[in-house]
Amino acid sequence: MALFPIHSNFERDFVIQLVPVDTEDTMDQVAEKCAHHSLNRRVRPQPDKVLRVRHHEKGELFPRDMTVADSGIRPTETLDILFMDS
């Protein structure tokens, strides 16, 4: 377990946030931590959608249960947080 900073590019938000996550967090947990800084602040919730995490440069969606440690991302890389149909 280690603190791991990422940049959150949350869908429909105009602010990119630096968000601390943990290396053992799953991508679902990363999405929730990023949502805390955007939802109900600058972004309206979409309860009928699920949040997914995508690598900003590669465009690949990460599996929801993949951990930060297993993802291969580096500290301060940008991740896109997207609303998707479940």
N, C-alpha and C. Protein backbone atom coordinates (compact mmCIF):
# COMPACT_ATOMS: atom_id res chain seq x y z
N MET A 1 0.83 -1.18 0.00
CA MET A 1 0.00 0.00 0.00
C MET A 1 0.88 1.24 0.00
N ALA A 2 0.62 2.10 -0.96
CA ALA A 2 1.39 3.34 -1.05
C ALA A 2 0.54 4.41 -1.71
N LEU A 3 0.71 5.62 -1.25
CA LEU A 3 0.03 6.75 -1.86
C LEU A 3 0.55 6.94 -3.27
N PHE A 4 -0.37 7.22 -4.20
CA PHE A 4 -0.03 7.29 -5.62
C PHE A 4 -0.83 8.43 -6.25
N PRO A 5 -0.19 9.50 -6.70
CA PRO A 5 -0.92 10.62 -7.29
C PRO A 5 -1.23 10.40 -8.77
N ILE A 6 -2.46 10.70 -9.15
CA ILE A 6 -2.84 10.65 -10.57
C ILE A 6 -3.57 11.96 -10.91
N HIS A 7 -3.61 12.28 -12.19
CA HIS A 7 -4.42 13.40 -12.65
C HIS A 7 -5.74 12.84 -13.16
N SER A 8 -6.82 13.42 -12.68
CA SER A 8 -8.16 12.99 -13.06
C SER A 8 -8.74 13.95 -14.10
N ASN A 9 -9.02 13.41 -15.27
CA ASN A 9 -9.71 14.16 -16.33
C ASN A 9 -11.13 13.61 -16.38
N PHE A 10 -11.99 14.16 -15.53
CA PHE A 10 -13.35 13.63 -15.36
C PHE A 10 -14.25 14.16 -16.48
N GLU A 11 -14.99 13.25 -17.09
CA GLU A 11 -15.88 13.62 -18.19
C GLU A 11 -16.81 14.76 -17.78
N ARG A 12 -16.90 15.76 -18.64
CA ARG A 12 -17.75 16.95 -18.46
C ARG A 12 -17.25 17.92 -17.41
N ASP A 13 -16.04 17.71 -16.91
CA ASP A 13 -15.44 18.66 -15.98
C ASP A 13 -14.38 19.45 -16.75
N PHE A 14 -14.25 20.71 -16.45
CA PHE A 14 -13.25 21.54 -17.12
C PHE A 14 -11.96 21.67 -16.31
N VAL A 15 -11.93 21.02 -15.13
CA VAL A 15 -10.76 21.09 -14.26
C VAL A 15 -10.11 19.71 -14.20
N ILE A 16 -8.80 19.66 -14.41
CA ILE A 16 -8.06 18.42 -14.21
C ILE A 16 -7.53 18.45 -12.79
N GLN A 17 -7.86 17.42 -12.02
CA GLN A 17 -7.53 17.38 -10.60
C GLN A 17 -6.36 16.43 -10.34
N LEU A 18 -5.52 16.80 -9.39
CA LEU A 18 -4.51 15.89 -8.87
C LEU A 18 -5.16 15.15 -7.71
N VAL A 19 -5.29 13.83 -7.84
CA VAL A 19 -6.03 13.03 -6.86
C VAL A 19 -5.11 11.96 -6.28
N PRO A 20 -5.03 11.88 -4.95
CA PRO A 20 -4.25 10.80 -4.33
C PRO A 20 -5.08 9.51 -4.28
N VAL A 21 -4.51 8.46 -4.80
CA VAL A 21 -5.12 7.13 -4.71
C VAL A 21 -4.10 6.21 -4.06
N ASP A 22 -4.45 4.96 -3.90
CA ASP A 22 -3.55 3.98 -3.30
C ASP A 22 -3.19 2.94 -4.35
N THR A 23 -2.00 2.41 -4.27
CA THR A 23 -1.56 1.42 -5.25
C THR A 23 -2.43 0.16 -5.24
N GLU A 24 -3.11 -0.11 -4.12
CA GLU A 24 -3.96 -1.29 -4.05
C GLU A 24 -5.42 -1.00 -4.40
N ASP A 25 -5.75 0.25 -4.73
CA ASP A 25 -7.11 0.60 -5.16
C ASP A 25 -7.42 -0.04 -6.50
N THR A 26 -8.66 -0.50 -6.65
CA THR A 26 -9.12 -0.97 -7.96
C THR A 26 -9.50 0.25 -8.80
N MET A 27 -9.69 0.04 -10.07
CA MET A 27 -10.09 1.14 -10.94
C MET A 27 -11.47 1.68 -10.56
N ASP A 28 -12.35 0.83 -10.04
CA ASP A 28 -13.63 1.33 -9.53
C ASP A 28 -13.41 2.28 -8.35
N GLN A 29 -12.47 1.96 -7.48
CA GLN A 29 -12.17 2.83 -6.35
C GLN A 29 -11.50 4.13 -6.82
N VAL A 30 -10.65 4.04 -7.82
CA VAL A 30 -10.02 5.22 -8.40
C VAL A 30 -11.12 6.14 -8.97
N ALA A 31 -12.06 5.57 -9.70
CA ALA A 31 -13.15 6.36 -10.29
C ALA A 31 -13.96 7.06 -9.20
N GLU A 32 -14.24 6.35 -8.11
CA GLU A 32 -15.00 6.96 -7.01
C GLU A 32 -14.22 8.08 -6.34
N LYS A 33 -12.93 7.89 -6.15
CA LYS A 33 -12.11 8.95 -5.54
C LYS A 33 -12.05 10.18 -6.44
N CYS A 34 -11.99 9.96 -7.74
CA CYS A 34 -11.99 11.08 -8.68
C CYS A 34 -13.37 11.75 -8.72
N ALA A 35 -14.41 10.95 -8.64
CA ALA A 35 -15.78 11.48 -8.65
C ALA A 35 -16.01 12.42 -7.48
N HIS A 36 -15.42 12.13 -6.34
CA HIS A 36 -15.57 12.96 -5.15
C HIS A 36 -15.20 14.42 -5.43
N HIS A 37 -14.25 14.64 -6.32
CA HIS A 37 -13.77 15.99 -6.61
C HIS A 37 -14.53 16.68 -7.74
N SER A 38 -15.39 15.95 -8.45
CA SER A 38 -16.09 16.53 -9.60
C SER A 38 -17.61 16.48 -9.49
N LEU A 39 -18.14 15.32 -9.07
CA LEU A 39 -19.60 15.17 -9.02
C LEU A 39 -20.21 16.11 -7.99
N ASN A 40 -21.35 16.67 -8.37
CA ASN A 40 -22.09 17.63 -7.54
C ASN A 40 -21.31 18.90 -7.27
N ARG A 41 -20.23 19.09 -7.97
CA ARG A 41 -19.47 20.34 -7.90
C ARG A 41 -19.54 21.03 -9.26
N ARG A 42 -18.99 20.37 -10.27
CA ARG A 42 -19.04 20.91 -11.63
C ARG A 42 -19.70 19.93 -12.60
N VAL A 43 -19.95 18.71 -12.15
CA VAL A 43 -20.52 17.66 -13.00
C VAL A 43 -21.77 17.09 -12.33
N ARG A 44 -22.83 16.99 -13.11
CA ARG A 44 -24.07 16.41 -12.62
C ARG A 44 -23.96 14.88 -12.60
N PRO A 45 -24.39 14.23 -11.51
CA PRO A 45 -24.36 12.76 -11.45
C PRO A 45 -25.24 12.13 -12.53
N GLN A 46 -24.88 10.95 -12.93
CA GLN A 46 -25.66 10.16 -13.88
C GLN A 46 -25.87 8.78 -13.27
N PRO A 47 -26.89 8.65 -12.42
CA PRO A 47 -27.07 7.40 -11.66
C PRO A 47 -27.32 6.16 -12.52
N ASP A 48 -27.73 6.34 -13.78
CA ASP A 48 -27.98 5.20 -14.65
C ASP A 48 -26.71 4.72 -15.37
N LYS A 49 -25.59 5.38 -15.10
CA LYS A 49 -24.31 5.04 -15.75
C LYS A 49 -23.31 4.52 -14.71
N VAL A 50 -22.30 3.82 -15.18
CA VAL A 50 -21.18 3.41 -14.32
C VAL A 50 -19.96 4.24 -14.71
N LEU A 51 -19.07 4.41 -13.78
CA LEU A 51 -17.83 5.13 -14.05
C LEU A 51 -16.75 4.15 -14.47
N ARG A 52 -16.04 4.50 -15.53
CA ARG A 52 -14.93 3.66 -16.00
C ARG A 52 -13.69 4.52 -16.11
N VAL A 53 -12.54 3.88 -16.00
CA VAL A 53 -11.25 4.56 -16.07
C VAL A 53 -10.54 4.16 -17.36
N ARG A 54 -10.04 5.18 -18.07
CA ARG A 54 -9.34 4.96 -19.34
C ARG A 54 -7.99 5.67 -19.27
N HIS A 55 -6.98 5.04 -19.84
CA HIS A 55 -5.67 5.68 -19.95
C HIS A 55 -5.80 6.82 -20.95
N HIS A 56 -5.40 8.01 -20.54
CA HIS A 56 -5.60 9.21 -21.36
C HIS A 56 -4.86 9.14 -22.69
N GLU A 57 -3.62 8.70 -22.69
CA GLU A 57 -2.82 8.69 -23.93
C GLU A 57 -3.09 7.48 -24.80
N LYS A 58 -3.26 6.32 -24.18
CA LYS A 58 -3.42 5.08 -24.94
C LYS A 58 -4.87 4.82 -25.33
N GLY A 59 -5.82 5.42 -24.60
CA GLY A 59 -7.23 5.24 -24.91
C GLY A 59 -7.80 3.89 -24.50
N GLU A 60 -7.06 3.13 -23.71
CA GLU A 60 -7.51 1.80 -23.28
C GLU A 60 -8.31 1.89 -21.99
N LEU A 61 -9.45 1.21 -21.96
CA LEU A 61 -10.21 1.09 -20.72
C LEU A 61 -9.53 0.06 -19.82
N PHE A 62 -9.39 0.39 -18.56
CA PHE A 62 -8.84 -0.56 -17.61
C PHE A 62 -9.96 -1.46 -17.08
N PRO A 63 -9.67 -2.74 -16.84
CA PRO A 63 -10.67 -3.59 -16.18
C PRO A 63 -11.03 -2.99 -14.82
N ARG A 64 -12.30 -3.09 -14.46
CA ARG A 64 -12.79 -2.45 -13.24
C ARG A 64 -12.12 -2.98 -11.99
N ASP A 65 -11.69 -4.22 -12.00
CA ASP A 65 -11.09 -4.82 -10.80
C ASP A 65 -9.55 -4.76 -10.81
N MET A 66 -8.96 -4.16 -11.83
CA MET A 66 -7.50 -4.04 -11.89
C MET A 66 -7.04 -3.02 -10.85
N THR A 67 -5.93 -3.33 -10.19
CA THR A 67 -5.40 -2.39 -9.21
C THR A 67 -4.47 -1.39 -9.90
N VAL A 68 -4.24 -0.29 -9.22
CA VAL A 68 -3.32 0.72 -9.72
C VAL A 68 -1.93 0.09 -9.91
N ALA A 69 -1.51 -0.71 -8.94
CA ALA A 69 -0.19 -1.35 -9.01
C ALA A 69 -0.06 -2.24 -10.25
N ASP A 70 -1.13 -2.90 -10.65
CA ASP A 70 -1.10 -3.81 -11.80
C ASP A 70 -1.30 -3.11 -13.14
N SER A 71 -1.69 -1.84 -13.10
CA SER A 71 -2.05 -1.13 -14.33
C SER A 71 -0.86 -0.65 -15.15
N GLY A 72 0.28 -0.48 -14.50
CA GLY A 72 1.47 0.00 -15.22
C GLY A 72 1.52 1.51 -15.38
N ILE A 73 0.56 2.22 -14.81
CA ILE A 73 0.62 3.68 -14.91
C ILE A 73 1.70 4.22 -13.99
N ARG A 74 2.17 5.42 -14.32
CA ARG A 74 3.19 6.07 -13.53
C ARG A 74 2.56 7.20 -12.72
N PRO A 75 3.20 7.60 -11.63
CA PRO A 75 2.66 8.72 -10.85
C PRO A 75 2.45 9.96 -11.71
N THR A 76 1.36 10.62 -11.45
CA THR A 76 0.89 11.87 -12.10
C THR A 76 0.44 11.69 -13.55
N GLU A 77 0.32 10.46 -14.03
CA GLU A 77 -0.26 10.28 -15.36
C GLU A 77 -1.73 10.68 -15.31
N THR A 78 -2.26 11.04 -16.46
CA THR A 78 -3.65 11.46 -16.56
C THR A 78 -4.52 10.27 -16.91
N LEU A 79 -5.59 10.11 -16.14
CA LEU A 79 -6.60 9.08 -16.40
C LEU A 79 -7.92 9.76 -16.70
N ASP A 80 -8.61 9.27 -17.72
CA ASP A 80 -9.95 9.78 -18.04
C ASP A 80 -10.97 8.97 -17.23
N ILE A 81 -11.90 9.67 -16.61
CA ILE A 81 -12.99 9.01 -15.89
C ILE A 81 -14.25 9.28 -16.71
N LEU A 82 -14.88 8.20 -17.16
CA LEU A 82 -15.98 8.29 -18.11
C LEU A 82 -17.27 7.69 -17.57
N PHE A 83 -18.39 8.27 -17.98
CA PHE A 83 -19.71 7.68 -17.74
C PHE A 83 -19.97 6.69 -18.86
N MET A 84 -20.37 5.46 -18.52
CA MET A 84 -20.68 4.47 -19.54
C MET A 84 -21.92 3.70 -19.14
N ASP A 85 -22.58 3.13 -20.15
CA ASP A 85 -23.72 2.27 -19.86
C ASP A 85 -23.24 1.03 -19.14
N SER A 86 -24.04 0.56 -18.21
CA SER A 86 -23.60 -0.63 -17.43
C SER A 86 -23.83 -1.92 -18.17
